[in-house]
Amino acid sequence: MIRIRARLGDGHTSIEVDGHEGHVLDGRVCAAVSAIAQTALLGLEQVAAQHPDLVSIEITQE
């Protein structure tokens, strides 16, 4: 099961994606969710790089 948690409020947004689809559809669902999440993150990195005075991004790896 893939779990996506989004928290919105007071000008803040938090998105957390975890889990795995369990190879039910040969990993296609997991790959799709991963690709969308990573594309969004890469896009936000580019916006932060172009507007460092307006946007800050912190990415940590666990």
PDB file of N, CA and C in Angstrom:
ATOM      1  N   MET A   1       0.838  -1.172   0.000  1.00  0.00           N
ATOM      2  CA  MET A   1       0.000   0.000   0.000  1.00  0.00           C
ATOM      3  C   MET A   1       0.886   1.239   0.000  1.00  0.00           C
ATOM      4  N   ILE A   2       0.616   2.141  -0.905  1.00  0.00           N
ATOM      5  CA  ILE A   2       1.301   3.428  -0.961  1.00  0.00           C
ATOM      6  C   ILE A   2       0.445   4.419  -0.168  1.00  0.00           C
ATOM      7  N   ARG A   3       1.088   5.145   0.738  1.00  0.00           N
ATOM      8  CA  ARG A   3       0.384   6.128   1.553  1.00  0.00           C
ATOM      9  C   ARG A   3       0.895   7.525   1.196  1.00  0.00           C
ATOM     10  N   ILE A   4      -0.019   8.415   0.920  1.00  0.00           N
ATOM     11  CA  ILE A   4       0.314   9.808   0.645  1.00  0.00           C
ATOM     12  C   ILE A   4      -0.429  10.646   1.664  1.00  0.00           C
ATOM     13  N   ARG A   5       0.334  11.435   2.421  1.00  0.00           N
ATOM     14  CA  ARG A   5      -0.264  12.305   3.429  1.00  0.00           C
ATOM     15  C   ARG A   5       0.041  13.751   3.048  1.00  0.00           C
ATOM     16  N   ALA A   6      -0.997  14.546   2.965  1.00  0.00           N
ATOM     17  CA  ALA A   6      -0.827  15.968   2.673  1.00  0.00           C
ATOM     18  C   ALA A   6      -1.421  16.759   3.829  1.00  0.00           C
ATOM     19  N   ARG A   7      -0.668  17.718   4.299  1.00  0.00           N
ATOM     20  CA  ARG A   7      -1.140  18.585   5.375  1.00  0.00           C
ATOM     21  C   ARG A   7      -1.113  20.021   4.857  1.00  0.00           C
ATOM     22  N   LEU A   8      -2.247  20.678   4.953  1.00  0.00           N
ATOM     23  CA  LEU A   8      -2.379  22.049   4.472  1.00  0.00           C
ATOM     24  C   LEU A   8      -2.857  22.926   5.616  1.00  0.00           C
ATOM     25  N   GLY A   9      -2.333  24.140   5.677  1.00  0.00           N
ATOM     26  CA  GLY A   9      -2.824  25.066   6.688  1.00  0.00           C
ATOM     27  C   GLY A   9      -1.829  26.145   7.031  1.00  0.00           C
ATOM     28  N   ASP A  10      -2.354  27.320   7.343  1.00  0.00           N
ATOM     29  CA  ASP A  10      -1.556  28.464   7.780  1.00  0.00           C
ATOM     30  C   ASP A  10      -0.400  28.775   6.835  1.00  0.00           C
ATOM     31  N   GLY A  11      -0.622  28.635   5.540  1.00  0.00           N
ATOM     32  CA  GLY A  11       0.410  28.956   4.568  1.00  0.00           C
ATOM     33  C   GLY A  11       1.481  27.896   4.412  1.00  0.00           C
ATOM     34  N   HIS A  12       1.291  26.718   5.001  1.00  0.00           N
ATOM     35  CA  HIS A  12       2.268  25.637   4.935  1.00  0.00           C
ATOM     36  C   HIS A  12       1.642  24.425   4.251  1.00  0.00           C
ATOM     37  N   THR A  13       2.456  23.735   3.478  1.00  0.00           N
ATOM     38  CA  THR A  13       2.023  22.487   2.857  1.00  0.00           C
ATOM     39  C   THR A  13       3.091  21.438   3.105  1.00  0.00           C
ATOM     40  N   SER A  14       2.667  20.273   3.510  1.00  0.00           N
ATOM     41  CA  SER A  14       3.572  19.158   3.744  1.00  0.00           C
ATOM     42  C   SER A  14       3.018  17.943   3.010  1.00  0.00           C
ATOM     43  N   ILE A  15       3.878  17.246   2.264  1.00  0.00           N
ATOM     44  CA  ILE A  15       3.465  16.039   1.556  1.00  0.00           C
ATOM     45  C   ILE A  15       4.448  14.932   1.887  1.00  0.00           C
ATOM     46  N   GLU A  16       3.918  13.800   2.285  1.00  0.00           N
ATOM     47  CA  GLU A  16       4.744  12.633   2.616  1.00  0.00           C
ATOM     48  C   GLU A  16       4.232  11.437   1.812  1.00  0.00           C
ATOM     49  N   VAL A  17       5.148  10.757   1.142  1.00  0.00           N
ATOM     50  CA  VAL A  17       4.795   9.576   0.355  1.00  0.00           C
ATOM     51  C   VAL A  17       5.632   8.416   0.881  1.00  0.00           C
ATOM     52  N   ASP A  18       4.978   7.310   1.225  1.00  0.00           N
ATOM     53  CA  ASP A  18       5.735   6.134   1.651  1.00  0.00           C
ATOM     54  C   ASP A  18       4.976   4.855   1.309  1.00  0.00           C
ATOM     55  N   GLY A  19       5.659   3.750   1.449  1.00  0.00           N
ATOM     56  CA  GLY A  19       5.050   2.461   1.185  1.00  0.00           C
ATOM     57  C   GLY A  19       5.428   1.910  -0.181  1.00  0.00           C
ATOM     58  N   HIS A  20       4.773   0.828  -0.546  1.00  0.00           N
ATOM     59  CA  HIS A  20       5.010   0.169  -1.829  1.00  0.00           C
ATOM     60  C   HIS A  20       3.736  -0.544  -2.220  1.00  0.00           C
ATOM     61  N   GLU A  21       3.494  -0.668  -3.509  1.00  0.00           N
ATOM     62  CA  GLU A  21       2.251  -1.263  -3.973  1.00  0.00           C
ATOM     63  C   GLU A  21       2.262  -2.779  -3.954  1.00  0.00           C
ATOM     64  N   GLY A  22       3.368  -3.397  -3.652  1.00  0.00           N
ATOM     65  CA  GLY A  22       3.420  -4.835  -3.494  1.00  0.00           C
ATOM     66  C   GLY A  22       3.470  -5.626  -4.788  1.00  0.00           C
ATOM     67  N   HIS A  23       3.956  -5.037  -5.849  1.00  0.00           N
ATOM     68  CA  HIS A  23       4.153  -5.719  -7.131  1.00  0.00           C
ATOM     69  C   HIS A  23       2.870  -6.264  -7.755  1.00  0.00           C
ATOM     70  N   VAL A  24       1.736  -5.740  -7.357  1.00  0.00           N
ATOM     71  CA  VAL A  24       0.466  -6.231  -7.897  1.00  0.00           C
ATOM     72  C   VAL A  24       0.394  -6.020  -9.401  1.00  0.00           C
ATOM     73  N   LEU A  25       0.809  -4.864  -9.860  1.00  0.00           N
ATOM     74  CA  LEU A  25       0.774  -4.544 -11.291  1.00  0.00           C
ATOM     75  C   LEU A  25       2.194  -4.363 -11.820  1.00  0.00           C
ATOM     76  N   ASP A  26       3.084  -5.259 -11.460  1.00  0.00           N
ATOM     77  CA  ASP A  26       4.487  -5.221 -11.893  1.00  0.00           C
ATOM     78  C   ASP A  26       5.189  -3.923 -11.516  1.00  0.00           C
ATOM     79  N   GLY A  27       4.760  -3.300 -10.441  1.00  0.00           N
ATOM     80  CA  GLY A  27       5.413  -2.083  -9.964  1.00  0.00           C
ATOM     81  C   GLY A  27       5.016  -0.825 -10.697  1.00  0.00           C
ATOM     82  N   ARG A  28       4.050  -0.908 -11.606  1.00  0.00           N
ATOM     83  CA  ARG A  28       3.674   0.277 -12.400  1.00  0.00           C
ATOM     84  C   ARG A  28       3.081   1.391 -11.552  1.00  0.00           C
ATOM     85  N   VAL A  29       2.253   1.030 -10.591  1.00  0.00           N
ATOM     86  CA  VAL A  29       1.637   2.065  -9.752  1.00  0.00           C
ATOM     87  C   VAL A  29       2.703   2.739  -8.901  1.00  0.00           C
ATOM     88  N   CYS A  30       3.590   1.954  -8.320  1.00  0.00           N
ATOM     89  CA  CYS A  30       4.658   2.504  -7.491  1.00  0.00           C
ATOM     90  C   CYS A  30       5.561   3.415  -8.332  1.00  0.00           C
ATOM     91  N   ALA A  31       5.894   2.978  -9.524  1.00  0.00           N
ATOM     92  CA  ALA A  31       6.744   3.784 -10.400  1.00  0.00           C
ATOM     93  C   ALA A  31       6.057   5.089 -10.788  1.00  0.00           C
ATOM     94  N   ALA A  32       4.759   5.034 -11.027  1.00  0.00           N
ATOM     95  CA  ALA A  32       4.024   6.245 -11.403  1.00  0.00           C
ATOM     96  C   ALA A  32       3.993   7.248 -10.256  1.00  0.00           C
ATOM     97  N   VAL A  33       3.680   6.777  -9.061  1.00  0.00           N
ATOM     98  CA  VAL A  33       3.639   7.666  -7.894  1.00  0.00           C
ATOM     99  C   VAL A  33       5.019   8.254  -7.630  1.00  0.00           C
ATOM    100  N   SER A  34       6.046   7.428  -7.717  1.00  0.00           N
ATOM    101  CA  SER A  34       7.408   7.885  -7.489  1.00  0.00           C
ATOM    102  C   SER A  34       7.814   8.937  -8.530  1.00  0.00           C
ATOM    103  N   ALA A  35       7.494   8.690  -9.785  1.00  0.00           N
ATOM    104  CA  ALA A  35       7.853   9.632 -10.846  1.00  0.00           C
ATOM    105  C   ALA A  35       7.168  10.980 -10.657  1.00  0.00           C
ATOM    106  N   ILE A  36       5.900  10.961 -10.282  1.00  0.00           N
ATOM    107  CA  ILE A  36       5.179  12.221 -10.067  1.00  0.00           C
ATOM    108  C   ILE A  36       5.756  12.983  -8.878  1.00  0.00           C
ATOM    109  N   ALA A  37       6.018  12.274  -7.782  1.00  0.00           N
ATOM    110  CA  ALA A  37       6.559  12.932  -6.587  1.00  0.00           C
ATOM    111  C   ALA A  37       7.949  13.510  -6.863  1.00  0.00           C
ATOM    112  N   GLN A  38       8.797  12.749  -7.535  1.00  0.00           N
ATOM    113  CA  GLN A  38      10.155  13.225  -7.816  1.00  0.00           C
ATOM    114  C   GLN A  38      10.153  14.372  -8.817  1.00  0.00           C
ATOM    115  N   THR A  39       9.256  14.336  -9.803  1.00  0.00           N
ATOM    116  CA  THR A  39       9.154  15.430 -10.767  1.00  0.00           C
ATOM    117  C   THR A  39       8.728  16.718 -10.071  1.00  0.00           C
ATOM    118  N   ALA A  40       7.768  16.611  -9.159  1.00  0.00           N
ATOM    119  CA  ALA A  40       7.340  17.794  -8.405  1.00  0.00           C
ATOM    120  C   ALA A  40       8.502  18.359  -7.590  1.00  0.00           C
ATOM    121  N   LEU A  41       9.265  17.493  -6.950  1.00  0.00           N
ATOM    122  CA  LEU A  41      10.404  17.928  -6.152  1.00  0.00           C
ATOM    123  C   LEU A  41      11.467  18.604  -7.019  1.00  0.00           C
ATOM    124  N   LEU A  42      11.773  18.013  -8.172  1.00  0.00           N
ATOM    125  CA  LEU A  42      12.756  18.616  -9.078  1.00  0.00           C
ATOM    126  C   LEU A  42      12.276  19.981  -9.585  1.00  0.00           C
ATOM    127  N   GLY A  43      10.989  20.096  -9.859  1.00  0.00           N
ATOM    128  CA  GLY A  43      10.432  21.381 -10.289  1.00  0.00           C
ATOM    129  C   GLY A  43      10.553  22.434  -9.207  1.00  0.00           C
ATOM    130  N   LEU A  44      10.274  22.047  -7.967  1.00  0.00           N
ATOM    131  CA  LEU A  44      10.405  22.987  -6.857  1.00  0.00           C
ATOM    132  C   LEU A  44      11.855  23.400  -6.644  1.00  0.00           C
ATOM    133  N   GLU A  45      12.781  22.477  -6.853  1.00  0.00           N
ATOM    134  CA  GLU A  45      14.209  22.822  -6.761  1.00  0.00           C
ATOM    135  C   GLU A  45      14.576  23.874  -7.796  1.00  0.00           C
ATOM    136  N   GLN A  46      14.046  23.751  -9.003  1.00  0.00           N
ATOM    137  CA  GLN A  46      14.348  24.716 -10.058  1.00  0.00           C
ATOM    138  C   GLN A  46      13.774  26.092  -9.740  1.00  0.00           C
ATOM    139  N   VAL A  47      12.566  26.121  -9.212  1.00  0.00           N
ATOM    140  CA  VAL A  47      11.960  27.400  -8.821  1.00  0.00           C
ATOM    141  C   VAL A  47      12.798  28.048  -7.721  1.00  0.00           C
ATOM    142  N   ALA A  48      13.231  27.251  -6.747  1.00  0.00           N
ATOM    143  CA  ALA A  48      14.060  27.780  -5.656  1.00  0.00           C
ATOM    144  C   ALA A  48      15.394  28.303  -6.184  1.00  0.00           C
ATOM    145  N   ALA A  49      15.971  27.614  -7.176  1.00  0.00           N
ATOM    146  CA  ALA A  49      17.249  28.064  -7.745  1.00  0.00           C
ATOM    147  C   ALA A  49      17.086  29.375  -8.510  1.00  0.00           C
ATOM    148  N   GLN A  50      15.944  29.555  -9.163  1.00  0.00           N
ATOM    149  CA  GLN A  50      15.708  30.770  -9.943  1.00  0.00           C
ATOM    150  C   GLN A  50      15.288  31.951  -9.077  1.00  0.00           C
ATOM    151  N   HIS A  51      14.711  31.659  -7.920  1.00  0.00           N
ATOM    152  CA  HIS A  51      14.211  32.722  -7.040  1.00  0.00           C
ATOM    153  C   HIS A  51      14.649  32.466  -5.595  1.00  0.00           C
ATOM    154  N   PRO A  52      15.960  32.476  -5.346  1.00  0.00           N
ATOM    155  CA  PRO A  52      16.444  32.154  -3.998  1.00  0.00           C
ATOM    156  C   PRO A  52      16.015  33.160  -2.932  1.00  0.00           C
ATOM    157  N   ASP A  53      15.658  34.354  -3.350  1.00  0.00           N
ATOM    158  CA  ASP A  53      15.200  35.346  -2.384  1.00  0.00           C
ATOM    159  C   ASP A  53      13.739  35.130  -1.993  1.00  0.00           C
ATOM    160  N   LEU A  54      13.032  34.284  -2.749  1.00  0.00           N
ATOM    161  CA  LEU A  54      11.607  34.048  -2.483  1.00  0.00           C
ATOM    162  C   LEU A  54      11.299  32.616  -2.052  1.00  0.00           C
ATOM    163  N   VAL A  55      12.129  31.667  -2.500  1.00  0.00           N
ATOM    164  CA  VAL A  55      11.827  30.257  -2.255  1.00  0.00           C
ATOM    165  C   VAL A  55      13.058  29.565  -1.678  1.00  0.00           C
ATOM    166  N   SER A  56      12.854  28.812  -0.623  1.00  0.00           N
ATOM    167  CA  SER A  56      13.904  28.020  -0.010  1.00  0.00           C
ATOM    168  C   SER A  56      13.442  26.565   0.017  1.00  0.00           C
ATOM    169  N   ILE A  57      14.328  25.646  -0.318  1.00  0.00           N
ATOM    170  CA  ILE A  57      13.974  24.233  -0.288  1.00  0.00           C
ATOM    171  C   ILE A  57      15.057  23.473   0.465  1.00  0.00           C
ATOM    172  N   GLU A  58      14.624  22.559   1.310  1.00  0.00           N
ATOM    173  CA  GLU A  58      15.567  21.720   2.059  1.00  0.00           C
ATOM    174  C   GLU A  58      15.176  20.272   1.823  1.00  0.00           C
ATOM    175  N   ILE A  59      16.109  19.502   1.295  1.00  0.00           N
ATOM    176  CA  ILE A  59      15.871  18.091   1.014  1.00  0.00           C
ATOM    177  C   ILE A  59      16.837  17.283   1.867  1.00  0.00           C
ATOM    178  N   THR A  60      16.306  16.370   2.640  1.00  0.00           N
ATOM    179  CA  THR A  60      17.151  15.507   3.454  1.00  0.00           C
ATOM    180  C   THR A  60      16.947  14.067   3.015  1.00  0.00           C
ATOM    181  N   GLN A  61      18.005  13.302   3.157  1.00  0.00           N
ATOM    182  CA  GLN A  61      17.942  11.884   2.803  1.00  0.00           C
ATOM    183  C   GLN A  61      18.151  11.068   4.059  1.00  0.00           C
ATOM    184  N   GLU A  62      17.256  10.149   4.300  1.00  0.00           N
ATOM    185  CA  GLU A  62      17.333   9.311   5.506  1.00  0.00           C
ATOM    186  C   GLU A  62      17.904   7.961   5.195  1.00  0.00           C
TER     187      GLU A  62
END
